Amino acid sequence: MSDNYTGKSRFKAAIAANLKIFKRFNNMKSRFLTIGAAALLAACSGANAAQGDAPGYRVAVRLPEEDDEMMAFLVNYDTNSKIDSAMVENSKAVFTGKVDEPVAARVIVDGQRRGTFILENAEIDFGGQKAPSSPLNDVITRFQAEAQKIMAEAQALPMDSASMPKMEALEARYNALSDSVMRANMDNPVGYMMFCGDAWSLSLAELKAELEKHPSLKKYQRVQKLLASAEAKERTTPGHKFVDFTVTNYSVTQSLSDYVGKGKYVLVDFWASWCGPCIRETKVIKEILKEFGPKGLEVLGVAVWDEPQNTLRAVEQHQLPWPQILNAQSIPTDLYGIPAIPCIILFGPDGTIISRDKQGDELIESVRQALNGEAPKE
């Protein structure tokens, strides 16, 4: 096929590849900034504290004023089991206790995720613009600083084919940085957290291969769920029929089959009120509905990993006009192998999956192709 390329088509192909890499780096930057320092965890192997000799932990989390008088929960990131709780007072929650070994933890207030970090026996103060500080958390800023230097260099490059070699070299630098830190910390929660941050993008075969290289990861529940999710995703790729599910909330029972497989194209948005990228993508969905709604397209929201009252508040705040299945939690995400949201799936009139995991212009194009009867573009 390359023998038939003209110079112009080769240039277009290079530009397309360049744009794809730029998008990847922009996604990296977005992940760094939205999750914050506490979620991108990295440490050198010598940073483990002697937990048994430490007096315990004191974690002070700075929170929005709206959280005052609410209960904050410190939960195990892997198992979702509660570690500790504290009342939010003066925009702060303070947890004290002791752990036998470091653990990845998350702070939750009123169903909202307020930060993820490594809990260890130390003084840890974070929130707002401040990152947590402790032996396993302190190196986060160093890792971020190196990663952000790479991203800054990538974003400074002109978006043309001449930048491709430099862009590929920067991507290789980032991958090498991330891999070296992760592999040096496979014996502690830092390596586990970094692995989870990237594992969602691996295919089932790639995920199995990584777990064979690092069998210690198999002990984590979230890793086992990632494996089950990858298997479920393979069963719900384009070309497969939809998998039905039923949710009962406020005495109302709803099923996906109430909407899908009824003779119309249906765009289903799996989302949550606390998810910034989900909220941003609703603007794209509104554009799609405006253009293709008159042609028979329907939109359905499925709220996952969220509290119903928060979902309803977000629906009203962002003026989402499509119907919602509330309080679905992990039922659909387990069935469809959805490790991260938003996940948007386009179903055909007979319930066949046409596309999934696309956003922005790619999502618009996939809907346009389906409703115009065009073959999907590679």
Protein backbone atom coordinates (compact mmCIF):
# COMPACT_ATOMS: atom_id res chain seq x y z
CA MET A 1 0.00 0.00 0.00
CA SER A 2 2.87 2.38 0.73
CA ASP A 3 3.92 2.17 -2.93
CA ASN A 4 0.73 4.01 -3.84
CA TYR A 5 1.26 6.86 -1.39
CA THR A 6 1.85 10.27 -2.83
CA GLY A 7 4.08 12.71 -1.02
CA LYS A 8 0.95 14.46 0.28
CA SER A 9 -0.57 11.26 1.66
CA ARG A 10 2.68 10.37 3.42
CA PHE A 11 2.69 13.82 4.97
CA LYS A 12 -0.92 13.39 6.14
CA ALA A 13 -0.04 10.04 7.68
CA ALA A 14 2.89 11.60 9.55
CA ILE A 15 0.68 14.44 10.79
CA ALA A 16 -1.94 11.95 11.98
CA ALA A 17 0.68 9.99 13.89
CA ASN A 18 2.08 13.19 15.35
CA LEU A 19 -1.34 14.31 16.50
CA LYS A 20 -1.93 10.95 18.14
CA ILE A 21 1.27 11.27 20.16
CA PHE A 22 0.44 14.87 21.10
CA LYS A 23 -2.94 13.67 22.33
CA ARG A 24 -1.23 11.02 24.42
CA PHE A 25 1.03 13.59 26.07
CA ASN A 26 -1.90 15.93 26.64
CA ASN A 27 -3.72 13.06 28.30
CA MET A 28 -0.64 12.46 30.45
CA LYS A 29 -0.61 16.10 31.48
CA SER A 30 -4.31 16.03 32.24
CA ARG A 31 -3.84 12.93 34.38
CA PHE A 32 -1.01 14.57 36.34
CA LEU A 33 -2.96 17.78 36.96
CA THR A 34 -6.41 16.37 37.70
CA ILE A 35 -5.40 13.47 39.90
CA GLY A 36 -2.74 15.59 41.55
CA ALA A 37 0.54 14.77 43.18
CA ALA A 38 -1.01 12.30 45.59
CA ALA A 39 -2.14 9.90 42.89
CA LEU A 40 1.00 9.59 40.76
CA LEU A 41 3.07 7.71 43.25
CA ALA A 42 6.71 6.91 42.79
CA ALA A 43 9.57 6.03 45.09
CA CYS A 44 13.06 4.66 44.98
CA SER A 45 13.41 1.22 46.51
CA GLY A 46 15.29 2.55 49.53
CA ALA A 47 12.45 4.86 50.60
CA ASN A 48 10.50 2.33 52.65
CA ALA A 49 10.07 3.40 56.26
CA ALA A 50 10.39 0.99 59.17
CA GLN A 51 6.71 0.90 60.03
CA GLY A 52 7.01 -1.29 63.08
CA ASP A 53 9.22 1.23 64.93
CA ALA A 54 7.24 4.31 63.93
CA PRO A 55 4.82 5.83 66.45
CA GLY A 56 1.93 5.89 63.98
CA TYR A 57 0.38 8.14 61.38
CA ARG A 58 -1.29 11.52 61.56
CA VAL A 59 -2.94 12.48 58.29
CA ALA A 60 -4.37 15.99 57.91
CA VAL A 61 -6.38 16.50 54.72
CA ARG A 62 -7.40 19.98 53.63
CA LEU A 63 -10.89 19.86 52.14
CA PRO A 64 -13.42 22.23 50.55
CA GLU A 65 -15.51 24.32 52.94
CA GLU A 66 -18.61 22.53 51.68
CA ASP A 67 -17.34 19.34 53.37
CA ASP A 68 -17.54 20.83 56.88
CA GLU A 69 -19.60 18.82 59.37
CA MET A 70 -19.45 15.76 57.12
CA MET A 71 -17.74 12.48 57.87
CA ALA A 72 -14.53 11.76 55.96
CA PHE A 73 -13.45 8.18 55.43
CA LEU A 74 -9.97 6.82 54.91
CA VAL A 75 -10.28 3.64 52.85
CA ASN A 76 -7.94 1.03 51.45
CA TYR A 77 -7.48 1.81 47.75
CA ASP A 78 -7.18 -1.86 46.87
CA THR A 79 -10.01 -3.40 48.88
CA ASN A 80 -12.23 -0.34 49.54
CA SER A 81 -12.36 -1.38 53.20
CA LYS A 82 -12.53 1.41 55.79
CA ILE A 83 -9.31 2.19 57.63
CA ASP A 84 -10.39 5.23 59.64
CA SER A 85 -12.95 8.04 59.82
CA ALA A 86 -12.98 11.63 61.03
CA MET A 87 -15.34 14.60 61.10
CA VAL A 88 -14.48 17.47 58.77
CA GLU A 89 -14.00 20.63 60.79
CA ASN A 90 -12.70 23.99 59.56
CA SER A 91 -12.12 22.46 56.12
CA LYS A 92 -9.85 19.75 57.47
CA ALA A 93 -10.09 16.09 58.45
CA VAL A 94 -7.45 14.57 60.73
CA PHE A 95 -6.86 10.83 60.94
CA THR A 96 -4.59 9.17 63.51
CA GLY A 97 -3.62 5.54 63.94
CA LYS A 98 -0.98 3.00 63.02
CA VAL A 99 -0.40 0.64 60.09
CA ASP A 100 1.72 -2.49 60.04
CA GLU A 101 2.94 -1.69 56.54
CA PRO A 102 2.40 1.09 53.98
CA VAL A 103 -0.87 0.92 52.10
CA ALA A 104 -2.40 2.82 49.20
CA ALA A 105 -5.30 4.81 50.63
CA ARG A 106 -8.05 7.14 49.48
CA VAL A 107 -10.04 9.89 51.24
CA ILE A 108 -13.79 9.96 50.54
CA VAL A 109 -16.31 12.56 51.71
CA ASP A 110 -20.01 12.24 50.86
CA GLY A 111 -19.17 9.76 48.13
CA GLN A 112 -16.64 12.15 46.57
CA ARG A 113 -12.99 11.13 46.14
CA ARG A 114 -10.75 13.71 47.80
CA GLY A 115 -7.28 12.32 47.24
CA THR A 116 -5.20 9.17 46.92
CA PHE A 117 -1.85 8.68 48.62
CA ILE A 118 0.40 6.18 50.39
CA LEU A 119 -0.57 5.83 54.03
CA GLU A 120 2.38 5.08 56.29
CA ASN A 121 3.37 5.85 59.87
CA ALA A 122 4.34 9.48 59.48
CA GLU A 123 3.02 13.03 59.61
CA ILE A 124 1.18 13.52 56.32
CA ASP A 125 -0.45 16.83 55.45
CA PHE A 126 -1.98 17.48 52.04
CA GLY A 127 -4.83 19.02 50.10
CA GLY A 128 -5.36 22.05 47.94
CA GLN A 129 -2.07 22.67 46.17
CA LYS A 130 -0.02 20.81 48.76
CA ALA A 131 1.25 17.27 48.09
CA PRO A 132 1.52 14.70 50.89
CA SER A 133 4.94 14.39 52.50
CA SER A 134 6.35 11.14 53.91
CA PRO A 135 9.10 8.69 52.92
CA LEU A 136 7.02 7.04 50.19
CA ASN A 137 5.18 10.19 49.14
CA ASP A 138 8.08 12.67 49.12
CA VAL A 139 9.53 11.42 45.85
CA ILE A 140 6.30 12.15 43.98
CA THR A 141 7.33 15.70 43.22
CA ARG A 142 10.69 14.57 41.85
CA PHE A 143 9.02 12.09 39.56
CA GLN A 144 6.46 14.69 38.50
CA ALA A 145 9.14 17.28 37.90
CA GLU A 146 10.97 14.94 35.50
CA ALA A 147 7.75 13.91 33.78
CA GLN A 148 6.57 17.50 33.40
CA LYS A 149 9.90 18.51 31.86
CA ILE A 150 9.37 15.85 29.22
CA MET A 151 5.79 16.96 28.59
CA ALA A 152 6.84 20.60 28.36
CA GLU A 153 9.40 19.70 25.70
CA ALA A 154 6.74 17.75 23.81
CA GLN A 155 4.22 20.57 23.89
CA ALA A 156 6.83 23.08 22.73
CA LEU A 157 7.45 21.14 19.52
CA PRO A 158 5.70 22.37 16.37
CA MET A 159 2.91 20.04 15.33
CA ASP A 160 4.39 18.87 12.03
CA SER A 161 6.02 15.79 10.56
CA ALA A 162 9.54 17.11 11.23
CA SER A 163 8.85 16.84 14.97
CA MET A 164 8.03 13.14 14.84
CA PRO A 165 11.52 11.79 15.71
CA LYS A 166 11.84 14.21 18.63
CA MET A 167 8.34 13.36 19.82
CA GLU A 168 9.06 9.64 19.69
CA ALA A 169 12.29 10.17 21.64
CA LEU A 170 10.40 12.12 24.31
CA GLU A 171 7.79 9.41 24.54
CA ALA A 172 10.56 6.83 24.98
CA ARG A 173 12.09 8.96 27.76
CA TYR A 174 8.80 9.17 29.59
CA ASN A 175 8.18 5.43 29.27
CA ALA A 176 11.68 4.66 30.52
CA LEU A 177 11.24 7.00 33.50
CA SER A 178 7.87 5.54 34.47
CA ASP A 179 8.97 1.93 33.96
CA SER A 180 12.17 2.31 35.97
CA VAL A 181 10.36 3.79 38.97
CA MET A 182 7.54 1.26 38.82
CA ARG A 183 9.83 -1.76 38.53
CA ALA A 184 12.01 -0.55 41.40
CA ASN A 185 8.96 -0.54 43.66
CA MET A 186 7.10 -3.72 42.89
CA ASP A 187 7.51 -4.80 46.52
CA ASN A 188 5.48 -1.88 47.90
CA PRO A 189 2.23 0.00 47.16
CA VAL A 190 4.04 2.56 45.02
CA GLY A 191 4.79 0.06 42.25
CA TYR A 192 1.28 -1.33 42.57
CA MET A 193 -0.30 2.13 42.20
CA MET A 194 1.83 3.00 39.19
CA PHE A 195 1.01 -0.33 37.59
CA CYS A 196 -2.72 0.24 38.12
CA GLY A 197 -2.40 3.68 36.57
CA ASP A 198 -1.25 2.20 33.25
CA ALA A 199 -2.71 -1.32 33.31
CA TRP A 200 -6.18 -0.20 32.20
CA SER A 201 -4.77 0.51 28.73
CA LEU A 202 -3.21 -2.95 28.32
CA SER A 203 -4.82 -5.69 26.28
CA LEU A 204 -5.69 -8.96 27.97
CA ALA A 205 -2.59 -10.61 26.52
CA GLU A 206 -0.34 -7.72 27.60
CA LEU A 207 -1.81 -7.71 31.10
CA LYS A 208 -1.26 -11.45 31.51
CA ALA A 209 2.31 -11.07 30.32
CA GLU A 210 3.01 -8.30 32.86
CA LEU A 211 1.58 -10.37 35.69
CA GLU A 212 3.82 -13.26 34.74
CA LYS A 213 6.80 -10.90 35.01
CA HIS A 214 5.60 -9.50 38.34
CA PRO A 215 3.65 -12.24 40.16
CA SER A 216 3.63 -10.23 43.41
CA LEU A 217 0.96 -8.01 41.83
CA LYS A 218 -1.50 -10.89 41.73
CA LYS A 219 -2.15 -10.54 45.47
CA TYR A 220 -3.98 -7.26 44.98
CA GLN A 221 -7.76 -7.37 44.55
CA ARG A 222 -7.74 -4.44 42.14
CA VAL A 223 -5.26 -6.24 39.89
CA GLN A 224 -7.50 -9.30 39.84
CA LYS A 225 -10.39 -7.01 38.93
CA LEU A 226 -8.29 -5.49 36.14
CA LEU A 227 -7.71 -8.98 34.79
CA ALA A 228 -11.43 -9.82 34.97
CA SER A 229 -12.17 -6.44 33.39
CA ALA A 230 -9.85 -7.14 30.45
CA GLU A 231 -11.57 -10.49 29.91
CA ALA A 232 -15.00 -8.81 30.04
CA LYS A 233 -13.84 -6.12 27.63
CA GLU A 234 -12.83 -8.75 25.08
CA ARG A 235 -16.38 -10.13 25.26
CA THR A 236 -17.89 -6.69 24.62
CA THR A 237 -15.82 -5.38 21.74
CA PRO A 238 -17.48 -4.02 18.58
CA GLY A 239 -19.41 -6.73 16.77
CA HIS A 240 -20.72 -8.38 19.94
CA LYS A 241 -24.30 -8.06 21.17
CA PHE A 242 -24.98 -5.98 24.25
CA VAL A 243 -24.88 -7.54 27.71
CA ASP A 244 -27.98 -6.61 29.69
CA PHE A 245 -28.04 -5.50 33.32
CA THR A 246 -30.72 -4.36 35.75
CA VAL A 247 -30.50 -1.74 38.51
CA THR A 248 -33.07 -0.95 41.19
CA ASN A 249 -32.93 2.50 42.75
CA TYR A 250 -35.56 4.35 44.77
CA SER A 251 -37.97 1.46 44.05
CA VAL A 252 -37.47 2.05 40.32
CA THR A 253 -36.05 -0.84 38.30
CA GLN A 254 -34.26 -0.09 35.03
CA SER A 255 -32.47 -2.33 32.55
CA LEU A 256 -30.17 -1.52 29.69
CA SER A 257 -32.56 -3.49 27.47
CA ASP A 258 -35.24 -0.86 28.20
CA TYR A 259 -33.27 1.39 25.87
CA VAL A 260 -30.88 -0.72 23.78
CA GLY A 261 -31.91 -3.18 21.05
CA LYS A 262 -35.21 -1.41 20.42
CA GLY A 263 -34.57 -0.50 16.78
CA LYS A 264 -32.59 2.72 17.30
CA TYR A 265 -28.96 3.72 17.63
CA VAL A 266 -28.20 4.42 21.28
CA LEU A 267 -25.14 6.20 22.65
CA VAL A 268 -24.57 5.09 26.26
CA ASP A 269 -22.38 7.22 28.51
CA PHE A 270 -20.97 5.48 31.60
CA TRP A 271 -20.01 8.35 33.88
CA ALA A 272 -19.92 9.81 37.41
CA SER A 273 -20.56 13.26 38.85
CA TRP A 274 -17.07 13.51 40.41
CA CYS A 275 -15.30 12.68 37.13
CA GLY A 276 -13.99 15.84 35.45
CA PRO A 277 -13.32 14.21 32.06
CA CYS A 278 -16.87 12.79 32.15
CA ILE A 279 -18.37 16.24 32.62
CA ARG A 280 -16.21 17.69 29.84
CA GLU A 281 -17.30 14.94 27.45
CA THR A 282 -21.00 15.74 28.02
CA LYS A 283 -20.46 18.84 25.89
CA VAL A 284 -19.46 16.58 23.00
CA ILE A 285 -22.45 14.33 23.62
CA LYS A 286 -24.76 17.35 23.52
CA GLU A 287 -23.31 18.29 20.13
CA ILE A 288 -23.83 14.73 18.89
CA LEU A 289 -27.42 14.65 20.12
CA LYS A 290 -28.16 18.00 18.50
CA GLU A 291 -26.84 16.80 15.13
CA PHE A 292 -27.98 13.19 15.14
CA GLY A 293 -30.99 13.19 17.45
CA PRO A 294 -33.26 14.23 14.55
CA LYS A 295 -31.88 11.23 12.63
CA GLY A 296 -32.98 8.79 15.33
CA LEU A 297 -30.02 8.65 17.71
CA GLU A 298 -30.83 8.33 21.41
CA VAL A 299 -28.53 8.98 24.37
CA LEU A 300 -28.56 7.24 27.75
CA GLY A 301 -26.49 8.03 30.83
CA VAL A 302 -25.47 5.27 33.23
CA ALA A 303 -24.13 6.60 36.53
CA VAL A 304 -21.44 4.32 37.96
CA TRP A 305 -19.33 4.53 41.14
CA ASP A 306 -21.47 7.44 42.32
CA GLU A 307 -24.14 8.37 44.85
CA PRO A 308 -27.61 8.97 43.33
CA GLN A 309 -28.02 12.41 44.91
CA ASN A 310 -24.68 13.53 43.47
CA THR A 311 -25.65 12.21 40.05
CA LEU A 312 -28.98 14.05 40.11
CA ARG A 313 -27.25 17.24 41.23
CA ALA A 314 -24.78 16.99 38.32
CA VAL A 315 -27.58 16.25 35.82
CA GLU A 316 -29.32 19.45 36.87
CA GLN A 317 -26.17 21.54 37.12
CA HIS A 318 -24.89 20.55 33.67
CA GLN A 319 -28.35 20.35 32.10
CA LEU A 320 -28.11 16.82 30.74
CA PRO A 321 -31.35 16.19 28.80
CA TRP A 322 -31.04 12.42 28.30
CA PRO A 323 -32.43 9.71 30.61
CA GLN A 324 -30.23 8.25 33.34
CA ILE A 325 -29.85 4.88 35.02
CA LEU A 326 -28.88 5.84 38.56
CA ASN A 327 -26.76 4.06 41.14
CA ALA A 328 -25.45 1.39 38.78
CA GLN A 329 -22.19 1.30 40.74
CA SER A 330 -19.93 -1.47 39.40
CA ILE A 331 -22.61 -3.69 37.83
CA PRO A 332 -22.11 -2.46 34.24
CA THR A 333 -18.41 -1.72 34.61
CA ASP A 334 -17.79 -5.33 35.61
CA LEU A 335 -19.87 -6.68 32.71
CA TYR A 336 -18.30 -4.43 30.08
CA GLY A 337 -14.75 -4.37 31.41
CA ILE A 338 -14.71 -0.63 32.06
CA PRO A 339 -11.67 0.28 34.18
CA ALA A 340 -11.95 4.04 33.70
CA ILE A 341 -14.61 6.58 32.85
CA PRO A 342 -15.99 8.14 30.80
CA CYS A 343 -16.64 5.06 28.72
CA ILE A 344 -19.00 5.69 25.84
CA ILE A 345 -20.47 2.83 23.82
CA LEU A 346 -22.51 3.13 20.63
CA PHE A 347 -25.08 0.38 20.16
CA GLY A 348 -26.80 -0.40 16.86
CA PRO A 349 -30.57 -0.84 16.39
CA ASP A 350 -30.36 -4.57 17.17
CA GLY A 351 -28.13 -4.04 20.20
CA THR A 352 -24.83 -4.83 18.49
CA ILE A 353 -21.87 -2.86 19.82
CA ILE A 354 -20.61 -0.57 17.05
CA SER A 355 -17.87 1.37 18.86
CA ARG A 356 -16.58 1.93 22.38
CA ASP A 357 -13.96 3.88 24.29
CA LYS A 358 -13.92 6.85 21.91
CA GLN A 359 -14.12 10.51 22.85
CA GLY A 360 -14.12 13.90 21.20
CA ASP A 361 -13.76 14.01 17.43
CA GLU A 362 -13.28 10.25 17.24
CA LEU A 363 -16.61 9.71 18.97
CA ILE A 364 -18.39 12.17 16.68
CA GLU A 365 -16.89 10.46 13.64
CA SER A 366 -17.92 6.98 14.80
CA VAL A 367 -21.53 8.14 15.26
CA ARG A 368 -21.50 9.87 11.89
CA GLN A 369 -20.20 6.77 10.15
CA ALA A 370 -22.79 4.54 11.80
CA LEU A 371 -25.79 6.72 11.05
CA ASN A 372 -24.62 7.38 7.49
CA GLY A 373 -24.01 3.69 6.88
CA GLU A 374 -20.28 4.14 6.27
CA ALA A 375 -17.67 1.48 6.96
CA PRO A 376 -15.55 2.29 10.03
CA LYS A 377 -12.23 3.94 9.18
CA GLU A 378 -9.02 2.40 10.42
